[in-house]
């Protein structure tokens, strides 16, 4: 199962959500694969740091035809990671947007999955529509769209929907998706207003679970930890565990 975590707006919790859902999968006995598709390398930074040598990163898959299996790094207690590198920002200008490059990640993951069946792959996407995010959309089985509770994020969700409508005739399928509200503050009326508007737009595709604003969630990446290993008793850990349970029950995982 391949899940892309994507929104065209930054700061909505894509990396945090990918990381903590992978940690929830690991706590459930799985060994997930995380792929950092963002040249900003935030997820790779949580792992430790992005490789200084681009040959050890996802960039080598695009530029030097290295297999994805060669680029996997063991992530103790979590699974594995294919790290990013700042050179990934060049992918759009180097390769353009032809069919071969748009399907490149899917082809590589097909080969990887034939060797390791049944693994859950989570792709942390960059916050714009380019070759890398399109690769994730062409390769994924499911799409998870984090939305922080502000009106600009709601507008980004609507823009995301329009982008998907344009892409689906090319992909030749409707990508199953879920919208999850992050940085939710029950004390603020705006949070509930955003949730109500999102439900009116997308109905059952909106996750019932919301991820509340939480110190443990915010600070755990700076300590190079997921929220469970940082503070398993925190409300943030409970929220991400509830989100994983909800998505698993729906067959999303």
C-alpha atoms as a PDB file:
ATOM      1  CA  UNK A   1       0.000   0.000   0.000  1.00  0.00           C
ATOM      2  CA  UNK A   2       1.355   3.401  -1.020  1.00  0.00           C
ATOM      3  CA  UNK A   3       0.064   6.568   0.588  1.00  0.00           C
ATOM      4  CA  UNK A   4       1.054  10.056  -0.560  1.00  0.00           C
ATOM      5  CA  UNK A   5       0.801  12.799   2.070  1.00  0.00           C
ATOM      6  CA  UNK A   6       0.312  15.969   0.058  1.00  0.00           C
ATOM      7  CA  UNK A   7      -1.114  19.458   0.096  1.00  0.00           C
ATOM      8  CA  UNK A   8      -0.174  22.382  -2.114  1.00  0.00           C
ATOM      9  CA  UNK A   9       0.130  24.582   0.990  1.00  0.00           C
ATOM     10  CA  UNK A  10       3.106  24.396   3.314  1.00  0.00           C
ATOM     11  CA  UNK A  11       2.932  24.323   7.102  1.00  0.00           C
ATOM     12  CA  UNK A  12      -0.095  22.049   7.339  1.00  0.00           C
ATOM     13  CA  UNK A  13       1.645  19.065   8.958  1.00  0.00           C
ATOM     14  CA  UNK A  14       2.566  16.844   6.000  1.00  0.00           C
ATOM     15  CA  UNK A  15       5.926  15.715   7.371  1.00  0.00           C
ATOM     16  CA  UNK A  16       4.638  15.361  10.934  1.00  0.00           C
ATOM     17  CA  UNK A  17       1.679  13.303   9.722  1.00  0.00           C
ATOM     18  CA  UNK A  18       3.796  11.032   7.513  1.00  0.00           C
ATOM     19  CA  UNK A  19       6.275  10.478  10.348  1.00  0.00           C
ATOM     20  CA  UNK A  20       3.729   9.736  13.057  1.00  0.00           C
ATOM     21  CA  UNK A  21       1.526   7.508  10.916  1.00  0.00           C
ATOM     22  CA  UNK A  22       4.644   5.514  10.008  1.00  0.00           C
ATOM     23  CA  UNK A  23       5.400   5.250  13.723  1.00  0.00           C
ATOM     24  CA  UNK A  24       1.839   4.033  14.344  1.00  0.00           C
ATOM     25  CA  UNK A  25       2.305   1.383  11.639  1.00  0.00           C
ATOM     26  CA  UNK A  26       5.546   0.279  13.327  1.00  0.00           C
ATOM     27  CA  UNK A  27       3.798   0.073  16.714  1.00  0.00           C
ATOM     28  CA  UNK A  28       1.223  -2.149  15.021  1.00  0.00           C
ATOM     29  CA  UNK A  29       3.948  -4.589  13.923  1.00  0.00           C
ATOM     30  CA  UNK A  30       4.678  -3.216  10.449  1.00  0.00           C
ATOM     31  CA  UNK A  31       7.932  -2.005   8.921  1.00  0.00           C
ATOM     32  CA  UNK A  32       6.919   1.011   6.846  1.00  0.00           C
ATOM     33  CA  UNK A  33       9.003   2.701   4.191  1.00  0.00           C
ATOM     34  CA  UNK A  34       9.146   6.495   4.277  1.00  0.00           C
ATOM     35  CA  UNK A  35      10.145   8.417   1.140  1.00  0.00           C
ATOM     36  CA  UNK A  36      11.176  12.049   1.474  1.00  0.00           C
ATOM     37  CA  UNK A  37      10.179  13.784  -1.773  1.00  0.00           C
ATOM     38  CA  UNK A  38      10.743  17.314  -0.480  1.00  0.00           C
ATOM     39  CA  UNK A  39      14.017  19.100  -1.367  1.00  0.00           C
ATOM     40  CA  UNK A  40      13.701  20.909   1.979  1.00  0.00           C
ATOM     41  CA  UNK A  41      14.600  17.532   3.551  1.00  0.00           C
ATOM     42  CA  UNK A  42      12.563  17.985   6.735  1.00  0.00           C
ATOM     43  CA  UNK A  43      11.755  14.297   7.124  1.00  0.00           C
ATOM     44  CA  UNK A  44      15.366  13.347   6.431  1.00  0.00           C
ATOM     45  CA  UNK A  45      16.338  15.868   9.102  1.00  0.00           C
ATOM     46  CA  UNK A  46      14.174  14.071  11.658  1.00  0.00           C
ATOM     47  CA  UNK A  47      15.980  10.849  10.743  1.00  0.00           C
ATOM     48  CA  UNK A  48      19.317  12.519  11.433  1.00  0.00           C
ATOM     49  CA  UNK A  49      20.280  14.644   8.495  1.00  0.00           C
ATOM     50  CA  UNK A  50      19.965  14.517   4.741  1.00  0.00           C
ATOM     51  CA  UNK A  51      22.967  12.816   3.117  1.00  0.00           C
ATOM     52  CA  UNK A  52      25.693  15.271   2.126  1.00  0.00           C
ATOM     53  CA  UNK A  53      26.285  13.145  -0.962  1.00  0.00           C
ATOM     54  CA  UNK A  54      23.355  13.270  -3.383  1.00  0.00           C
ATOM     55  CA  UNK A  55      24.385   9.796  -4.600  1.00  0.00           C
ATOM     56  CA  UNK A  56      22.981   8.387  -1.361  1.00  0.00           C
ATOM     57  CA  UNK A  57      19.613  10.127  -1.743  1.00  0.00           C
ATOM     58  CA  UNK A  58      16.478   9.859  -3.862  1.00  0.00           C
ATOM     59  CA  UNK A  59      18.150  12.194  -6.360  1.00  0.00           C
ATOM     60  CA  UNK A  60      20.430   9.317  -7.403  1.00  0.00           C
ATOM     61  CA  UNK A  61      17.353   7.336  -8.477  1.00  0.00           C
ATOM     62  CA  UNK A  62      16.397  10.091 -10.909  1.00  0.00           C
ATOM     63  CA  UNK A  63      19.834  11.247 -12.016  1.00  0.00           C
ATOM     64  CA  UNK A  64      21.979   8.113 -11.843  1.00  0.00           C
ATOM     65  CA  UNK A  65      19.441   5.305 -12.244  1.00  0.00           C
ATOM     66  CA  UNK A  66      20.230   3.755  -8.879  1.00  0.00           C
ATOM     67  CA  UNK A  67      17.587   1.309  -7.670  1.00  0.00           C
ATOM     68  CA  UNK A  68      15.399   2.421  -4.761  1.00  0.00           C
ATOM     69  CA  UNK A  69      16.547  -0.580  -2.728  1.00  0.00           C
ATOM     70  CA  UNK A  70      20.118   0.744  -2.878  1.00  0.00           C
ATOM     71  CA  UNK A  71      19.017   4.002  -1.270  1.00  0.00           C
ATOM     72  CA  UNK A  72      17.034   2.653   1.685  1.00  0.00           C
ATOM     73  CA  UNK A  73      18.369   3.481   5.128  1.00  0.00           C
ATOM     74  CA  UNK A  74      17.382   1.557   8.249  1.00  0.00           C
ATOM     75  CA  UNK A  75      15.393   3.749  10.658  1.00  0.00           C
ATOM     76  CA  UNK A  76      15.724   2.089  14.058  1.00  0.00           C
ATOM     77  CA  UNK A  77      12.372   1.372  15.688  1.00  0.00           C
ATOM     78  CA  UNK A  78      10.447   2.746  12.746  1.00  0.00           C
ATOM     79  CA  UNK A  79      11.225   1.017   9.445  1.00  0.00           C
ATOM     80  CA  UNK A  80      13.285   2.549   6.668  1.00  0.00           C
ATOM     81  CA  UNK A  81      13.763   5.801   4.802  1.00  0.00           C
ATOM     82  CA  UNK A  82      14.754   6.863   1.314  1.00  0.00           C
ATOM     83  CA  UNK A  83      16.164  10.310   2.092  1.00  0.00           C
ATOM     84  CA  UNK A  84      15.900  13.558   0.198  1.00  0.00           C
ATOM     85  CA  UNK A  85      18.606  15.942  -0.937  1.00  0.00           C
ATOM     86  CA  UNK A  86      18.562  19.619  -1.918  1.00  0.00           C
ATOM     87  CA  UNK A  87      19.564  18.570  -5.453  1.00  0.00           C
ATOM     88  CA  UNK A  88      16.024  17.235  -5.906  1.00  0.00           C
ATOM     89  CA  UNK A  89      14.954  20.808  -6.601  1.00  0.00           C
ATOM     90  CA  UNK A  90      16.615  20.357 -10.024  1.00  0.00           C
ATOM     91  CA  UNK A  91      14.402  17.448 -11.081  1.00  0.00           C
ATOM     92  CA  UNK A  92      11.790  19.637 -12.792  1.00  0.00           C
ATOM     93  CA  UNK A  93      14.313  21.534 -14.901  1.00  0.00           C
ATOM     94  CA  UNK A  94      16.410  18.466 -15.756  1.00  0.00           C
ATOM     95  CA  UNK A  95      13.679  16.025 -16.736  1.00  0.00           C
ATOM     96  CA  UNK A  96      10.605  18.037 -17.737  1.00  0.00           C
ATOM     97  CA  UNK A  97       7.159  16.477 -17.359  1.00  0.00           C
ATOM     98  CA  UNK A  98       6.909  13.707 -19.946  1.00  0.00           C
ATOM     99  CA  UNK A  99       5.110  10.408 -19.248  1.00  0.00           C
ATOM    100  CA  UNK A 100       8.336   8.518 -18.535  1.00  0.00           C
ATOM    101  CA  UNK A 101       9.451  10.826 -15.746  1.00  0.00           C
ATOM    102  CA  UNK A 102       5.953  11.159 -14.253  1.00  0.00           C
ATOM    103  CA  UNK A 103       5.740   7.373 -13.906  1.00  0.00           C
ATOM    104  CA  UNK A 104       9.336   6.878 -12.783  1.00  0.00           C
ATOM    105  CA  UNK A 105       8.645   6.535  -9.055  1.00  0.00           C
ATOM    106  CA  UNK A 106       5.757   4.137  -9.696  1.00  0.00           C
ATOM    107  CA  UNK A 107       8.011   1.905 -11.813  1.00  0.00           C
ATOM    108  CA  UNK A 108      10.696   1.916  -9.119  1.00  0.00           C
ATOM    109  CA  UNK A 109       8.201   1.133  -6.362  1.00  0.00           C
ATOM    110  CA  UNK A 110       6.688  -1.687  -8.431  1.00  0.00           C
ATOM    111  CA  UNK A 111      10.147  -3.281  -8.582  1.00  0.00           C
ATOM    112  CA  UNK A 112      10.737  -2.674  -4.879  1.00  0.00           C
ATOM    113  CA  UNK A 113       7.333  -4.053  -3.871  1.00  0.00           C
ATOM    114  CA  UNK A 114       7.939  -7.225  -5.860  1.00  0.00           C
ATOM    115  CA  UNK A 115      10.845  -7.923  -3.477  1.00  0.00           C
ATOM    116  CA  UNK A 116       9.091  -6.830  -0.268  1.00  0.00           C
ATOM    117  CA  UNK A 117       5.383  -7.505  -0.521  1.00  0.00           C
ATOM    118  CA  UNK A 118       2.782  -6.142   1.864  1.00  0.00           C
ATOM    119  CA  UNK A 119       4.794  -3.148   3.023  1.00  0.00           C
ATOM    120  CA  UNK A 120       3.194   0.239   3.661  1.00  0.00           C
ATOM    121  CA  UNK A 121       4.955   3.126   1.937  1.00  0.00           C
ATOM    122  CA  UNK A 122       4.364   6.719   3.030  1.00  0.00           C
ATOM    123  CA  UNK A 123       5.517   9.510   0.714  1.00  0.00           C
ATOM    124  CA  UNK A 124       6.119  12.960   2.194  1.00  0.00           C
ATOM    125  CA  UNK A 125       5.532  15.328  -0.729  1.00  0.00           C
ATOM    126  CA  UNK A 126       6.802  18.832  -1.414  1.00  0.00           C
ATOM    127  CA  UNK A 127       4.156  21.600  -1.139  1.00  0.00           C
ATOM    128  CA  UNK A 128       3.793  22.389  -4.838  1.00  0.00           C
ATOM    129  CA  UNK A 129       2.746  20.625  -8.017  1.00  0.00           C
ATOM    130  CA  UNK A 130       5.937  19.601  -9.786  1.00  0.00           C
ATOM    131  CA  UNK A 131       7.589  16.427 -11.037  1.00  0.00           C
ATOM    132  CA  UNK A 132       8.177  15.057  -7.538  1.00  0.00           C
ATOM    133  CA  UNK A 133       4.639  15.510  -6.230  1.00  0.00           C
ATOM    134  CA  UNK A 134       3.220  14.282  -9.540  1.00  0.00           C
ATOM    135  CA  UNK A 135       5.427  11.190  -9.222  1.00  0.00           C
ATOM    136  CA  UNK A 136       3.836  10.531  -5.832  1.00  0.00           C
ATOM    137  CA  UNK A 137       0.306  11.009  -7.196  1.00  0.00           C
ATOM    138  CA  UNK A 138       0.975   8.679 -10.135  1.00  0.00           C
ATOM    139  CA  UNK A 139       2.525   6.071  -7.806  1.00  0.00           C
ATOM    140  CA  UNK A 140       0.155   6.152  -4.823  1.00  0.00           C
ATOM    141  CA  UNK A 141      -2.845   3.980  -4.015  1.00  0.00           C
ATOM    142  CA  UNK A 142      -4.243   6.490  -1.540  1.00  0.00           C
ATOM    143  CA  UNK A 143      -3.869  10.205  -0.882  1.00  0.00           C
ATOM    144  CA  UNK A 144      -3.934  11.823   2.553  1.00  0.00           C
ATOM    145  CA  UNK A 145      -4.402  15.600   2.592  1.00  0.00           C
ATOM    146  CA  UNK A 146      -3.545  17.337   5.885  1.00  0.00           C
ATOM    147  CA  UNK A 147      -5.264  20.690   6.397  1.00  0.00           C
ATOM    148  CA  UNK A 148      -4.493  23.042   9.265  1.00  0.00           C
ATOM    149  CA  UNK A 149      -7.502  24.883  10.638  1.00  0.00           C
ATOM    150  CA  UNK A 150      -7.218  28.225   8.890  1.00  0.00           C
ATOM    151  CA  UNK A 151      -9.005  29.638   5.858  1.00  0.00           C
ATOM    152  CA  UNK A 152      -5.949  29.640   3.609  1.00  0.00           C
ATOM    153  CA  UNK A 153      -5.606  25.890   4.183  1.00  0.00           C
ATOM    154  CA  UNK A 154      -9.256  25.429   3.270  1.00  0.00           C
ATOM    155  CA  UNK A 155      -8.655  27.321   0.018  1.00  0.00           C
ATOM    156  CA  UNK A 156      -5.613  25.114  -0.606  1.00  0.00           C
ATOM    157  CA  UNK A 157      -7.823  22.026  -0.176  1.00  0.00           C
ATOM    158  CA  UNK A 158     -10.186  23.348  -2.842  1.00  0.00           C
ATOM    159  CA  UNK A 159      -7.224  24.039  -5.133  1.00  0.00           C
ATOM    160  CA  UNK A 160      -5.975  20.524  -4.449  1.00  0.00           C
ATOM    161  CA  UNK A 161      -9.331  19.096  -5.511  1.00  0.00           C
ATOM    162  CA  UNK A 162      -9.199  21.030  -8.779  1.00  0.00           C
ATOM    163  CA  UNK A 163      -5.662  19.769  -9.399  1.00  0.00           C
ATOM    164  CA  UNK A 164      -6.804  16.186  -8.893  1.00  0.00           C
ATOM    165  CA  UNK A 165      -9.739  16.681 -11.259  1.00  0.00           C
ATOM    166  CA  UNK A 166      -7.294  17.809 -13.946  1.00  0.00           C
ATOM    167  CA  UNK A 167      -4.920  14.908 -13.297  1.00  0.00           C
ATOM    168  CA  UNK A 168      -7.380  12.037 -13.016  1.00  0.00           C
ATOM    169  CA  UNK A 169      -8.062  11.692 -16.779  1.00  0.00           C
ATOM    170  CA  UNK A 170      -4.292  11.289 -17.190  1.00  0.00           C
ATOM    171  CA  UNK A 171      -3.907   8.893 -14.253  1.00  0.00           C
ATOM    172  CA  UNK A 172      -7.034   7.091 -15.531  1.00  0.00           C
ATOM    173  CA  UNK A 173      -8.494   6.566 -12.053  1.00  0.00           C
ATOM    174  CA  UNK A 174      -9.851   8.473  -9.117  1.00  0.00           C
ATOM    175  CA  UNK A 175      -7.323   8.409  -6.305  1.00  0.00           C
ATOM    176  CA  UNK A 176      -9.000   7.493  -3.031  1.00  0.00           C
ATOM    177  CA  UNK A 177      -8.366  10.296  -0.554  1.00  0.00           C
ATOM    178  CA  UNK A 178      -8.947  11.486   2.981  1.00  0.00           C
ATOM    179  CA  UNK A 179      -8.722  14.976   4.426  1.00  0.00           C
ATOM    180  CA  UNK A 180      -7.393  15.281   7.980  1.00  0.00           C
ATOM    181  CA  UNK A 181      -7.536  18.432  10.083  1.00  0.00           C
ATOM    182  CA  UNK A 182      -4.332  19.267  11.917  1.00  0.00           C
ATOM    183  CA  UNK A 183      -3.454  21.927  14.526  1.00  0.00           C
ATOM    184  CA  UNK A 184      -7.088  21.725  15.614  1.00  0.00           C
ATOM    185  CA  UNK A 185      -7.971  23.944  18.584  1.00  0.00           C
ATOM    186  CA  UNK A 186     -11.373  23.184  20.063  1.00  0.00           C
ATOM    187  CA  UNK A 187     -11.317  26.509  21.927  1.00  0.00           C
ATOM    188  CA  UNK A 188     -11.364  28.450  18.661  1.00  0.00           C
ATOM    189  CA  UNK A 189     -14.620  28.789  16.797  1.00  0.00           C
ATOM    190  CA  UNK A 190     -12.686  29.029  13.523  1.00  0.00           C
ATOM    191  CA  UNK A 191     -11.450  25.452  13.920  1.00  0.00           C
ATOM    192  CA  UNK A 192     -15.009  24.143  14.025  1.00  0.00           C
ATOM    193  CA  UNK A 193     -16.040  26.475  11.187  1.00  0.00           C
ATOM    194  CA  UNK A 194     -13.271  25.076   8.983  1.00  0.00           C
ATOM    195  CA  UNK A 195     -14.307  21.530   9.886  1.00  0.00           C
ATOM    196  CA  UNK A 196     -17.960  22.254   9.034  1.00  0.00           C
ATOM    197  CA  UNK A 197     -16.999  23.763   5.666  1.00  0.00           C
ATOM    198  CA  UNK A 198     -14.701  20.830   4.906  1.00  0.00           C
ATOM    199  CA  UNK A 199     -17.470  18.353   5.730  1.00  0.00           C
ATOM    200  CA  UNK A 200     -19.866  20.258   3.473  1.00  0.00           C
ATOM    201  CA  UNK A 201     -17.365  20.031   0.613  1.00  0.00           C
ATOM    202  CA  UNK A 202     -16.034  16.488   1.022  1.00  0.00           C
ATOM    203  CA  UNK A 203     -18.372  14.641   3.360  1.00  0.00           C
ATOM    204  CA  UNK A 204     -17.237  11.111   4.244  1.00  0.00           C
ATOM    205  CA  UNK A 205     -13.758  11.773   2.878  1.00  0.00           C
ATOM    206  CA  UNK A 206     -13.043  13.991   5.901  1.00  0.00           C
ATOM    207  CA  UNK A 207     -11.486  12.044   8.771  1.00  0.00           C
ATOM    208  CA  UNK A 208     -13.496  12.034  11.959  1.00  0.00           C
ATOM    209  CA  UNK A 209     -10.245  12.200  13.921  1.00  0.00           C
ATOM    210  CA  UNK A 210      -8.646  15.626  14.241  1.00  0.00           C
ATOM    211  CA  UNK A 211      -5.078  16.242  15.353  1.00  0.00           C
ATOM    212  CA  UNK A 212      -5.058  18.908  18.037  1.00  0.00           C
ATOM    213  CA  UNK A 213      -2.431  21.581  18.536  1.00  0.00           C
ATOM    214  CA  UNK A 214      -0.006  19.845  20.887  1.00  0.00           C
ATOM    215  CA  UNK A 215       3.428  20.581  22.337  1.00  0.00           C
ATOM    216  CA  UNK A 216       4.647  16.991  22.003  1.00  0.00           C
ATOM    217  CA  UNK A 217       3.736  16.879  18.308  1.00  0.00           C
ATOM    218  CA  UNK A 218       5.432  20.228  17.680  1.00  0.00           C
ATOM    219  CA  UNK A 219       8.675  19.533  19.532  1.00  0.00           C
ATOM    220  CA  UNK A 220       9.287  15.847  18.747  1.00  0.00           C
ATOM    221  CA  UNK A 221      10.817  16.432  15.250  1.00  0.00           C
ATOM    222  CA  UNK A 222      13.441  18.767  16.718  1.00  0.00           C
ATOM    223  CA  UNK A 223      14.453  15.902  19.009  1.00  0.00           C
ATOM    224  CA  UNK A 224      14.606  13.509  16.022  1.00  0.00           C
ATOM    225  CA  UNK A 225      11.717  11.460  17.373  1.00  0.00           C
ATOM    226  CA  UNK A 226       8.166  10.610  16.456  1.00  0.00           C
ATOM    227  CA  UNK A 227       5.491  11.664  18.942  1.00  0.00           C
ATOM    228  CA  UNK A 228       5.160   8.145  20.406  1.00  0.00           C
ATOM    229  CA  UNK A 229       8.825   7.755  21.292  1.00  0.00           C
ATOM    230  CA  UNK A 230       8.879  11.340  22.575  1.00  0.00           C
ATOM    231  CA  UNK A 231       5.740  11.252  24.727  1.00  0.00           C
ATOM    232  CA  UNK A 232       3.412   8.316  24.230  1.00  0.00           C
ATOM    233  CA  UNK A 233       1.030   9.667  26.886  1.00  0.00           C
ATOM    234  CA  UNK A 234       0.522  13.004  25.118  1.00  0.00           C
ATOM    235  CA  UNK A 235      -2.738  14.017  23.488  1.00  0.00           C
ATOM    236  CA  UNK A 236      -0.809  14.281  20.203  1.00  0.00           C
ATOM    237  CA  UNK A 237       0.184  10.620  20.407  1.00  0.00           C
ATOM    238  CA  UNK A 238      -3.408   9.679  21.155  1.00  0.00           C
ATOM    239  CA  UNK A 239      -4.632  11.708  18.181  1.00  0.00           C
ATOM    240  CA  UNK A 240      -2.230  10.080  15.729  1.00  0.00           C
ATOM    241  CA  UNK A 241      -2.992   6.627  17.070  1.00  0.00           C
ATOM    242  CA  UNK A 242      -6.720   7.349  16.675  1.00  0.00           C
ATOM    243  CA  UNK A 243      -6.124   8.614  13.126  1.00  0.00           C
ATOM    244  CA  UNK A 244      -4.201   5.463  12.224  1.00  0.00           C
ATOM    245  CA  UNK A 245      -6.930   3.266  13.744  1.00  0.00           C
ATOM    246  CA  UNK A 246      -9.648   5.117  11.838  1.00  0.00           C
ATOM    247  CA  UNK A 247      -7.817   4.865   8.511  1.00  0.00           C
ATOM    248  CA  UNK A 248      -6.948   1.198   9.078  1.00  0.00           C
ATOM    249  CA  UNK A 249     -10.561   0.359   9.915  1.00  0.00           C
ATOM    250  CA  UNK A 250     -11.645   2.014   6.650  1.00  0.00           C
ATOM    251  CA  UNK A 251      -9.124  -0.077   4.684  1.00  0.00           C
ATOM    252  CA  UNK A 252      -7.060   3.001   3.867  1.00  0.00           C
ATOM    253  CA  UNK A 253      -3.926   1.243   5.137  1.00  0.00           C
END
